[in-house]
PDB file of N, CA and C in Angstrom:
ATOM      1  N   MET A   1      61.419 -10.903 -24.350  1.00  0.00           N
ATOM      2  CA  MET A   1      60.708  -9.922 -23.556  1.00  0.00           C
ATOM      3  C   MET A   1      59.354  -9.638 -24.203  1.00  0.00           C
ATOM      4  N   SER A   2      58.327  -9.580 -23.419  1.00  0.00           N
ATOM      5  CA  SER A   2      56.974  -9.357 -23.906  1.00  0.00           C
ATOM      6  C   SER A   2      56.727  -7.886 -24.213  1.00  0.00           C
ATOM      7  N   LYS A   3      55.901  -7.641 -25.195  1.00  0.00           N
ATOM      8  CA  LYS A   3      55.494  -6.278 -25.534  1.00  0.00           C
ATOM      9  C   LYS A   3      54.333  -5.821 -24.664  1.00  0.00           C
ATOM     10  N   PHE A   4      53.841  -6.695 -23.799  1.00  0.00           N
ATOM     11  CA  PHE A   4      52.693  -6.395 -22.956  1.00  0.00           C
ATOM     12  C   PHE A   4      53.098  -6.327 -21.495  1.00  0.00           C
ATOM     13  N   ASN A   5      52.394  -5.515 -20.743  1.00  0.00           N
ATOM     14  CA  ASN A   5      52.581  -5.461 -19.293  1.00  0.00           C
ATOM     15  C   ASN A   5      51.697  -6.520 -18.656  1.00  0.00           C
ATOM     16  N   ASN A   6      52.092  -7.009 -17.500  1.00  0.00           N
ATOM     17  CA  ASN A   6      51.273  -7.939 -16.729  1.00  0.00           C
ATOM     18  C   ASN A   6      50.879  -9.188 -17.514  1.00  0.00           C
ATOM     19  N   VAL A   7      51.826  -9.837 -18.108  1.00  0.00           N
ATOM     20  CA  VAL A   7      51.572 -11.054 -18.866  1.00  0.00           C
ATOM     21  C   VAL A   7      51.290 -12.203 -17.900  1.00  0.00           C
ATOM     22  N   ILE A   8      50.234 -12.938 -18.185  1.00  0.00           N
ATOM     23  CA  ILE A   8      49.873 -14.111 -17.375  1.00  0.00           C
ATOM     24  C   ILE A   8      50.474 -15.336 -18.049  1.00  0.00           C
ATOM     25  N   ASN A   9      51.268 -16.084 -17.309  1.00  0.00           N
ATOM     26  CA  ASN A   9      51.887 -17.267 -17.905  1.00  0.00           C
ATOM     27  C   ASN A   9      51.790 -18.498 -17.024  1.00  0.00           C
ATOM     28  N   ALA A  10      50.921 -18.445 -16.028  1.00  0.00           N
ATOM     29  CA  ALA A  10      50.730 -19.605 -15.162  1.00  0.00           C
ATOM     30  C   ALA A  10      49.261 -19.669 -14.733  1.00  0.00           C
ATOM     31  N   ARG A  11      48.790 -20.889 -14.532  1.00  0.00           N
ATOM     32  CA  ARG A  11      47.390 -21.084 -14.159  1.00  0.00           C
ATOM     33  C   ARG A  11      47.027 -20.357 -12.865  1.00  0.00           C
ATOM     34  N   ASP A  12      47.910 -20.400 -11.871  1.00  0.00           N
ATOM     35  CA  ASP A  12      47.587 -19.741 -10.611  1.00  0.00           C
ATOM     36  C   ASP A  12      47.457 -18.229 -10.774  1.00  0.00           C
ATOM     37  N   GLN A  13      48.232 -17.634 -11.674  1.00  0.00           N
ATOM     38  CA  GLN A  13      48.077 -16.206 -11.962  1.00  0.00           C
ATOM     39  C   GLN A  13      46.709 -15.929 -12.589  1.00  0.00           C
ATOM     40  N   LEU A  14      46.336 -16.747 -13.543  1.00  0.00           N
ATOM     41  CA  LEU A  14      45.037 -16.589 -14.201  1.00  0.00           C
ATOM     42  C   LEU A  14      43.906 -16.730 -13.197  1.00  0.00           C
ATOM     43  N   ARG A  15      43.964 -17.770 -12.378  1.00  0.00           N
ATOM     44  CA  ARG A  15      42.907 -18.048 -11.413  1.00  0.00           C
ATOM     45  C   ARG A  15      42.822 -16.977 -10.324  1.00  0.00           C
ATOM     46  N   SER A  16      43.919 -16.254 -10.086  1.00  0.00           N
ATOM     47  CA  SER A  16      43.889 -15.207  -9.062  1.00  0.00           C
ATOM     48  C   SER A  16      43.069 -13.993  -9.500  1.00  0.00           C
ATOM     49  N   ILE A  17      42.821 -13.846 -10.805  1.00  0.00           N
ATOM     50  CA  ILE A  17      42.040 -12.700 -11.281  1.00  0.00           C
ATOM     51  C   ILE A  17      40.670 -13.080 -11.828  1.00  0.00           C
ATOM     52  N   LEU A  18      40.454 -14.357 -12.076  1.00  0.00           N
ATOM     53  CA  LEU A  18      39.156 -14.805 -12.571  1.00  0.00           C
ATOM     54  C   LEU A  18      38.303 -15.361 -11.448  1.00  0.00           C
ATOM     55  N   LYS A  19      37.003 -15.210 -11.571  1.00  0.00           N
ATOM     56  CA  LYS A  19      36.089 -15.848 -10.619  1.00  0.00           C
ATOM     57  C   LYS A  19      36.127 -17.360 -10.836  1.00  0.00           C
ATOM     58  N   ALA A  20      35.749 -18.089  -9.812  1.00  0.00           N
ATOM     59  CA  ALA A  20      35.643 -19.547  -9.936  1.00  0.00           C
ATOM     60  C   ALA A  20      34.471 -19.862 -10.869  1.00  0.00           C
ATOM     61  N   PRO A  21      34.583 -20.921 -11.668  1.00  0.00           N
ATOM     62  CA  PRO A  21      33.468 -21.278 -12.551  1.00  0.00           C
ATOM     63  C   PRO A  21      32.249 -21.722 -11.741  1.00  0.00           C
ATOM     64  N   SER A  22      31.080 -21.506 -12.309  1.00  0.00           N
ATOM     65  CA  SER A  22      29.851 -21.887 -11.611  1.00  0.00           C
ATOM     66  C   SER A  22      29.686 -23.403 -11.605  1.00  0.00           C
ATOM     67  N   GLU A  23      28.844 -23.879 -10.715  1.00  0.00           N
ATOM     68  CA  GLU A  23      28.556 -25.315 -10.621  1.00  0.00           C
ATOM     69  C   GLU A  23      27.887 -25.824 -11.895  1.00  0.00           C
ATOM     70  N   LEU A  24      27.254 -24.928 -12.641  1.00  0.00           N
ATOM     71  CA  LEU A  24      26.589 -25.314 -13.880  1.00  0.00           C
ATOM     72  C   LEU A  24      27.585 -25.792 -14.936  1.00  0.00           C
ATOM     73  N   VAL A  25      28.746 -25.163 -14.995  1.00  0.00           N
ATOM     74  CA  VAL A  25      29.718 -25.507 -16.036  1.00  0.00           C
ATOM     75  C   VAL A  25      30.875 -26.361 -15.544  1.00  0.00           C
ATOM     76  N   THR A  26      31.034 -26.499 -14.256  1.00  0.00           N
ATOM     77  CA  THR A  26      32.164 -27.263 -13.729  1.00  0.00           C
ATOM     78  C   THR A  26      32.201 -28.701 -14.253  1.00  0.00           C
ATOM     79  N   PRO A  27      31.072 -29.426 -14.245  1.00  0.00           N
ATOM     80  CA  PRO A  27      31.130 -30.819 -14.723  1.00  0.00           C
ATOM     81  C   PRO A  27      30.889 -30.948 -16.227  1.00  0.00           C
ATOM     82  N   LYS A  28      31.497 -30.081 -17.037  1.00  0.00           N
ATOM     83  CA  LYS A  28      31.196 -30.067 -18.468  1.00  0.00           C
ATOM     84  C   LYS A  28      31.871 -31.185 -19.256  1.00  0.00           C
ATOM     85  N   THR A  29      32.806 -31.868 -18.680  1.00  0.00           N
ATOM     86  CA  THR A  29      33.451 -32.948 -19.412  1.00  0.00           C
ATOM     87  C   THR A  29      32.830 -34.288 -19.025  1.00  0.00           C
ATOM     88  N   HIS A  30      32.753 -35.169 -19.988  1.00  0.00           N
ATOM     89  CA  HIS A  30      32.167 -36.489 -19.782  1.00  0.00           C
ATOM     90  C   HIS A  30      33.094 -37.538 -20.395  1.00  0.00           C
ATOM     91  N   LYS A  31      33.160 -38.689 -19.787  1.00  0.00           N
ATOM     92  CA  LYS A  31      33.925 -39.800 -20.356  1.00  0.00           C
ATOM     93  C   LYS A  31      33.113 -40.535 -21.412  1.00  0.00           C
ATOM     94  N   TYR A  32      31.792 -40.404 -21.316  1.00  0.00           N
ATOM     95  CA  TYR A  32      30.903 -41.100 -22.240  1.00  0.00           C
ATOM     96  C   TYR A  32      29.827 -40.141 -22.718  1.00  0.00           C
ATOM     97  N   LEU A  33      29.278 -40.443 -23.889  1.00  0.00           N
ATOM     98  CA  LEU A  33      28.152 -39.662 -24.404  1.00  0.00           C
ATOM     99  C   LEU A  33      26.907 -40.023 -23.604  1.00  0.00           C
ATOM    100  N   ASP A  34      26.230 -39.027 -23.056  1.00  0.00           N
ATOM    101  CA  ASP A  34      24.991 -39.294 -22.342  1.00  0.00           C
ATOM    102  C   ASP A  34      23.804 -38.924 -23.238  1.00  0.00           C
ATOM    103  N   LYS A  35      22.588 -39.024 -22.712  1.00  0.00           N
ATOM    104  CA  LYS A  35      21.403 -38.772 -23.530  1.00  0.00           C
ATOM    105  C   LYS A  35      21.356 -37.331 -24.007  1.00  0.00           C
ATOM    106  N   HIS A  36      21.846 -36.389 -23.207  1.00  0.00           N
ATOM    107  CA  HIS A  36      21.850 -34.988 -23.611  1.00  0.00           C
ATOM    108  C   HIS A  36      22.810 -34.764 -24.784  1.00  0.00           C
ATOM    109  N   CYS A  37      23.953 -35.417 -24.744  1.00  0.00           N
ATOM    110  CA  CYS A  37      24.894 -35.354 -25.861  1.00  0.00           C
ATOM    111  C   CYS A  37      24.239 -35.897 -27.126  1.00  0.00           C
ATOM    112  N   GLY A  38      23.534 -37.018 -26.981  1.00  0.00           N
ATOM    113  CA  GLY A  38      22.875 -37.637 -28.128  1.00  0.00           C
ATOM    114  C   GLY A  38      21.849 -36.717 -28.767  1.00  0.00           C
ATOM    115  N   VAL A  39      21.070 -36.029 -27.942  1.00  0.00           N
ATOM    116  CA  VAL A  39      20.071 -35.088 -28.461  1.00  0.00           C
ATOM    117  C   VAL A  39      20.768 -33.952 -29.198  1.00  0.00           C
ATOM    118  N   PHE A  40      21.802 -33.393 -28.596  1.00  0.00           N
ATOM    119  CA  PHE A  40      22.540 -32.288 -29.207  1.00  0.00           C
ATOM    120  C   PHE A  40      23.150 -32.710 -30.547  1.00  0.00           C
ATOM    121  N   ILE A  41      23.819 -33.854 -30.550  1.00  0.00           N
ATOM    122  CA  ILE A  41      24.455 -34.352 -31.777  1.00  0.00           C
ATOM    123  C   ILE A  41      23.399 -34.621 -32.842  1.00  0.00           C
ATOM    124  N   GLY A  42      22.280 -35.217 -32.457  1.00  0.00           N
ATOM    125  CA  GLY A  42      21.212 -35.519 -33.403  1.00  0.00           C
ATOM    126  C   GLY A  42      20.599 -34.296 -34.047  1.00  0.00           C
ATOM    127  N   ARG A  43      20.640 -33.166 -33.368  1.00  0.00           N
ATOM    128  CA  ARG A  43      20.064 -31.918 -33.887  1.00  0.00           C
ATOM    129  C   ARG A  43      21.078 -31.054 -34.627  1.00  0.00           C
ATOM    130  N   SER A  44      22.328 -31.483 -34.623  1.00  0.00           N
ATOM    131  CA  SER A  44      23.392 -30.661 -35.211  1.00  0.00           C
ATOM    132  C   SER A  44      23.541 -30.920 -36.703  1.00  0.00           C
ATOM    133  N   SER A  45      23.715 -29.830 -37.436  1.00  0.00           N
ATOM    134  CA  SER A  45      23.964 -29.942 -38.874  1.00  0.00           C
ATOM    135  C   SER A  45      25.377 -29.485 -39.229  1.00  0.00           C
ATOM    136  N   PHE A  46      26.153 -29.180 -38.215  1.00  0.00           N
ATOM    137  CA  PHE A  46      27.514 -28.682 -38.427  1.00  0.00           C
ATOM    138  C   PHE A  46      28.376 -29.126 -37.263  1.00  0.00           C
ATOM    139  N   MET A  47      29.621 -29.449 -37.563  1.00  0.00           N
ATOM    140  CA  MET A  47      30.587 -29.788 -36.517  1.00  0.00           C
ATOM    141  C   MET A  47      31.977 -29.406 -36.986  1.00  0.00           C
ATOM    142  N   LEU A  48      32.898 -29.336 -36.057  1.00  0.00           N
ATOM    143  CA  LEU A  48      34.308 -29.133 -36.357  1.00  0.00           C
ATOM    144  C   LEU A  48      35.066 -30.338 -35.826  1.00  0.00           C
ATOM    145  N   LEU A  49      35.864 -30.947 -36.689  1.00  0.00           N
ATOM    146  CA  LEU A  49      36.661 -32.105 -36.301  1.00  0.00           C
ATOM    147  C   LEU A  49      38.108 -31.649 -36.131  1.00  0.00           C
ATOM    148  N   ALA A  50      38.621 -31.732 -34.907  1.00  0.00           N
ATOM    149  CA  ALA A  50      39.997 -31.341 -34.617  1.00  0.00           C
ATOM    150  C   ALA A  50      40.841 -32.597 -34.434  1.00  0.00           C
ATOM    151  N   THR A  51      41.959 -32.648 -35.142  1.00  0.00           N
ATOM    152  CA  THR A  51      42.891 -33.768 -35.044  1.00  0.00           C
ATOM    153  C   THR A  51      44.312 -33.210 -34.972  1.00  0.00           C
ATOM    154  N   ALA A  52      45.252 -34.076 -34.620  1.00  0.00           N
ATOM    155  CA  ALA A  52      46.662 -33.691 -34.589  1.00  0.00           C
ATOM    156  C   ALA A  52      47.494 -34.841 -35.133  1.00  0.00           C
ATOM    157  N   ASP A  53      48.604 -34.486 -35.787  1.00  0.00           N
ATOM    158  CA  ASP A  53      49.506 -35.526 -36.278  1.00  0.00           C
ATOM    159  C   ASP A  53      50.479 -35.923 -35.172  1.00  0.00           C
ATOM    160  N   ALA A  54      51.384 -36.834 -35.484  1.00  0.00           N
ATOM    161  CA  ALA A  54      52.314 -37.349 -34.483  1.00  0.00           C
ATOM    162  C   ALA A  54      53.233 -36.265 -33.922  1.00  0.00           C
ATOM    163  N   ASN A  55      53.410 -35.179 -34.665  1.00  0.00           N
ATOM    164  CA  ASN A  55      54.262 -34.077 -34.208  1.00  0.00           C
ATOM    165  C   ASN A  55      53.483 -32.996 -33.467  1.00  0.00           C
ATOM    166  N   GLY A  56      52.185 -33.197 -33.311  1.00  0.00           N
ATOM    167  CA  GLY A  56      51.366 -32.221 -32.603  1.00  0.00           C
ATOM    168  C   GLY A  56      50.813 -31.108 -33.473  1.00  0.00           C
ATOM    169  N   ASN A  57      51.017 -31.187 -34.786  1.00  0.00           N
ATOM    170  CA  ASN A  57      50.449 -30.191 -35.697  1.00  0.00           C
ATOM    171  C   ASN A  57      48.956 -30.444 -35.812  1.00  0.00           C
ATOM    172  N   THR A  58      48.168 -29.415 -35.609  1.00  0.00           N
ATOM    173  CA  THR A  58      46.720 -29.586 -35.562  1.00  0.00           C
ATOM    174  C   THR A  58      46.032 -29.178 -36.860  1.00  0.00           C
ATOM    175  N   ASP A  59      44.857 -29.721 -37.038  1.00  0.00           N
ATOM    176  CA  ASP A  59      43.994 -29.408 -38.174  1.00  0.00           C
ATOM    177  C   ASP A  59      42.565 -29.390 -37.652  1.00  0.00           C
ATOM    178  N   ILE A  60      41.796 -28.429 -38.084  1.00  0.00           N
ATOM    179  CA  ILE A  60      40.372 -28.386 -37.758  1.00  0.00           C
ATOM    180  C   ILE A  60      39.612 -28.305 -39.072  1.00  0.00           C
ATOM    181  N   SER A  61      38.756 -29.304 -39.291  1.00  0.00           N
ATOM    182  CA  SER A  61      37.995 -29.393 -40.534  1.00  0.00           C
ATOM    183  C   SER A  61      36.508 -29.247 -40.258  1.00  0.00           C
ATOM    184  N   PRO A  62      35.849 -28.329 -40.976  1.00  0.00           N
ATOM    185  CA  PRO A  62      34.397 -28.216 -40.833  1.00  0.00           C
ATOM    186  C   PRO A  62      33.701 -29.376 -41.531  1.00  0.00           C
ATOM    187  N   LYS A  63      32.644 -29.876 -40.929  1.00  0.00           N
ATOM    188  CA  LYS A  63      31.834 -30.949 -41.498  1.00  0.00           C
ATOM    189  C   LYS A  63      30.374 -30.540 -41.366  1.00  0.00           C
ATOM    190  N   GLY A  64      29.591 -30.771 -42.400  1.00  0.00           N
ATOM    191  CA  GLY A  64      28.186 -30.414 -42.319  1.00  0.00           C
ATOM    192  C   GLY A  64      27.331 -31.209 -43.282  1.00  0.00           C
ATOM    193  N   ASP A  65      26.095 -31.407 -42.907  1.00  0.00           N
ATOM    194  CA  ASP A  65      25.084 -32.124 -43.676  1.00  0.00           C
ATOM    195  C   ASP A  65      23.762 -31.876 -42.947  1.00  0.00           C
ATOM    196  N   PRO A  66      22.676 -32.425 -43.435  1.00  0.00           N
ATOM    197  CA  PRO A  66      21.411 -32.253 -42.703  1.00  0.00           C
ATOM    198  C   PRO A  66      21.509 -32.806 -41.276  1.00  0.00           C
ATOM    199  N   MET A  67      20.665 -32.280 -40.392  1.00  0.00           N
ATOM    200  CA  MET A  67      20.659 -32.741 -38.999  1.00  0.00           C
ATOM    201  C   MET A  67      20.652 -34.264 -38.938  1.00  0.00           C
ATOM    202  N   GLY A  68      21.426 -34.802 -38.018  1.00  0.00           N
ATOM    203  CA  GLY A  68      21.504 -36.246 -37.845  1.00  0.00           C
ATOM    204  C   GLY A  68      22.577 -36.908 -38.686  1.00  0.00           C
ATOM    205  N   PHE A  69      23.404 -36.126 -39.376  1.00  0.00           N
ATOM    206  CA  PHE A  69      24.418 -36.742 -40.244  1.00  0.00           C
ATOM    207  C   PHE A  69      25.502 -37.466 -39.455  1.00  0.00           C
ATOM    208  N   VAL A  70      25.729 -37.079 -38.211  1.00  0.00           N
ATOM    209  CA  VAL A  70      26.668 -37.795 -37.343  1.00  0.00           C
ATOM    210  C   VAL A  70      25.877 -38.847 -36.577  1.00  0.00           C
ATOM    211  N   LYS A  71      26.312 -40.071 -36.658  1.00  0.00           N
ATOM    212  CA  LYS A  71      25.623 -41.183 -35.987  1.00  0.00           C
ATOM    213  C   LYS A  71      26.381 -41.593 -34.733  1.00  0.00           C
ATOM    214  N   ILE A  72      25.640 -41.893 -33.696  1.00  0.00           N
ATOM    215  CA  ILE A  72      26.236 -42.394 -32.457  1.00  0.00           C
ATOM    216  C   ILE A  72      26.250 -43.915 -32.534  1.00  0.00           C
ATOM    217  N   ILE A  73      27.442 -44.485 -32.538  1.00  0.00           N
ATOM    218  CA  ILE A  73      27.609 -45.937 -32.607  1.00  0.00           C
ATOM    219  C   ILE A  73      27.468 -46.546 -31.207  1.00  0.00           C
ATOM    220  N   ASP A  74      28.148 -45.959 -30.246  1.00  0.00           N
ATOM    221  CA  ASP A  74      28.034 -46.365 -28.846  1.00  0.00           C
ATOM    222  C   ASP A  74      28.425 -45.173 -27.992  1.00  0.00           C
ATOM    223  N   LYS A  75      28.572 -45.362 -26.690  1.00  0.00           N
ATOM    224  CA  LYS A  75      28.826 -44.247 -25.769  1.00  0.00           C
ATOM    225  C   LYS A  75      30.154 -43.526 -25.992  1.00  0.00           C
ATOM    226  N   GLN A  76      31.043 -44.122 -26.792  1.00  0.00           N
ATOM    227  CA  GLN A  76      32.350 -43.514 -27.037  1.00  0.00           C
ATOM    228  C   GLN A  76      32.697 -43.362 -28.511  1.00  0.00           C
ATOM    229  N   THR A  77      31.759 -43.703 -29.401  1.00  0.00           N
ATOM    230  CA  THR A  77      32.092 -43.732 -30.820  1.00  0.00           C
ATOM    231  C   THR A  77      31.064 -42.991 -31.657  1.00  0.00           C
ATOM    232  N   LEU A  78      31.566 -42.088 -32.505  1.00  0.00           N
ATOM    233  CA  LEU A  78      30.728 -41.386 -33.477  1.00  0.00           C
ATOM    234  C   LEU A  78      31.134 -41.803 -34.877  1.00  0.00           C
ATOM    235  N   ALA A  79      30.168 -41.869 -35.773  1.00  0.00           N
ATOM    236  CA  ALA A  79      30.438 -42.123 -37.189  1.00  0.00           C
ATOM    237  C   ALA A  79      30.144 -40.829 -37.940  1.00  0.00           C
ATOM    238  N   ILE A  80      31.177 -40.302 -38.588  1.00  0.00           N
ATOM    239  CA  ILE A  80      31.064 -39.056 -39.340  1.00  0.00           C
ATOM    240  C   ILE A  80      31.244 -39.408 -40.811  1.00  0.00           C
ATOM    241  N   PRO A  81      30.251 -39.128 -41.660  1.00  0.00           N
ATOM    242  CA  PRO A  81      30.378 -39.522 -43.064  1.00  0.00           C
ATOM    243  C   PRO A  81      31.480 -38.750 -43.782  1.00  0.00           C
ATOM    244  N   TYR A  82      32.141 -39.425 -44.693  1.00  0.00           N
ATOM    245  CA  TYR A  82      33.154 -38.784 -45.521  1.00  0.00           C
ATOM    246  C   TYR A  82      32.468 -38.125 -46.703  1.00  0.00           C
ATOM    247  N   ARG A  83      32.798 -36.898 -46.961  1.00  0.00           N
ATOM    248  CA  ARG A  83      32.287 -36.178 -48.123  1.00  0.00           C
ATOM    249  C   ARG A  83      33.482 -35.665 -48.916  1.00  0.00           C
ATOM    250  N   PRO A  84      33.536 -36.011 -50.192  1.00  0.00           N
ATOM    251  CA  PRO A  84      34.661 -35.523 -51.004  1.00  0.00           C
ATOM    252  C   PRO A  84      34.718 -33.999 -50.983  1.00  0.00           C
ATOM    253  N   GLY A  85      35.871 -33.489 -50.735  1.00  0.00           N
ATOM    254  CA  GLY A  85      36.069 -32.041 -50.711  1.00  0.00           C
ATOM    255  C   GLY A  85      37.314 -31.706 -51.495  1.00  0.00           C
ATOM    256  N   ASN A  86      38.307 -31.165 -50.826  1.00  0.00           N
ATOM    257  CA  ASN A  86      39.535 -30.758 -51.508  1.00  0.00           C
ATOM    258  C   ASN A  86      40.559 -31.896 -51.610  1.00  0.00           C
ATOM    259  N   HIS A  87      40.228 -33.053 -51.110  1.00  0.00           N
ATOM    260  CA  HIS A  87      41.064 -34.263 -51.176  1.00  0.00           C
ATOM    261  C   HIS A  87      42.359 -34.164 -50.381  1.00  0.00           C
ATOM    262  N   ARG A  88      42.474 -33.190 -49.479  1.00  0.00           N
ATOM    263  CA  ARG A  88      43.657 -33.128 -48.630  1.00  0.00           C
ATOM    264  C   ARG A  88      43.687 -34.241 -47.618  1.00  0.00           C
ATOM    265  N   ALA A  89      42.529 -34.585 -47.064  1.00  0.00           N
ATOM    266  CA  ALA A  89      42.392 -35.690 -46.101  1.00  0.00           C
ATOM    267  C   ALA A  89      43.279 -35.530 -44.871  1.00  0.00           C
ATOM    268  N   ASP A  90      43.495 -34.285 -44.439  1.00  0.00           N
ATOM    269  CA  ASP A  90      44.338 -34.046 -43.268  1.00  0.00           C
ATOM    270  C   ASP A  90      43.847 -34.775 -42.027  1.00  0.00           C
ATOM    271  N   SER A  91      42.551 -34.702 -41.766  1.00  0.00           N
ATOM    272  CA  SER A  91      41.997 -35.365 -40.573  1.00  0.00           C
ATOM    273  C   SER A  91      42.215 -36.867 -40.639  1.00  0.00           C
ATOM    274  N   LEU A  92      41.919 -37.461 -41.786  1.00  0.00           N
ATOM    275  CA  LEU A  92      42.088 -38.904 -41.919  1.00  0.00           C
ATOM    276  C   LEU A  92      43.543 -39.322 -41.759  1.00  0.00           C
ATOM    277  N   GLU A  93      44.459 -38.560 -42.347  1.00  0.00           N
ATOM    278  CA  GLU A  93      45.879 -38.873 -42.196  1.00  0.00           C
ATOM    279  C   GLU A  93      46.324 -38.730 -40.744  1.00  0.00           C
ATOM    280  N   ASN A  94      45.828 -37.688 -40.062  1.00  0.00           N
ATOM    281  CA  ASN A  94      46.192 -37.506 -38.647  1.00  0.00           C
ATOM    282  C   ASN A  94      45.670 -38.661 -37.805  1.00  0.00           C
ATOM    283  N   ILE A  95      44.463 -39.107 -38.067  1.00  0.00           N
ATOM    284  CA  ILE A  95      43.897 -40.225 -37.314  1.00  0.00           C
ATOM    285  C   ILE A  95      44.699 -41.493 -37.542  1.00  0.00           C
ATOM    286  N   LEU A  96      45.095 -41.730 -38.783  1.00  0.00           N
ATOM    287  CA  LEU A  96      45.933 -42.903 -39.072  1.00  0.00           C
ATOM    288  C   LEU A  96      47.276 -42.813 -38.367  1.00  0.00           C
TER     289      LEU A  96
END
């Protein structure tokens, strides 16, 4: 039993109280990196890398360096440099 009144637990319930998203944000997902993504990535000095292991346990690791540290290899591939940190390597293990 929930400690809250009016708990929302389904998408249709949520959508019944929220406005529809604007046309500006509706197409926010892309299958490929476009030129705007490239400009944004090129100007970024910080990113968060989210990964999950085979059991669905997630990890989010901060990554940072001077602007341009993330390289775009192609429309679907980024190269993120490895920097020695705490040596946990959670992201790398999850990717493997």
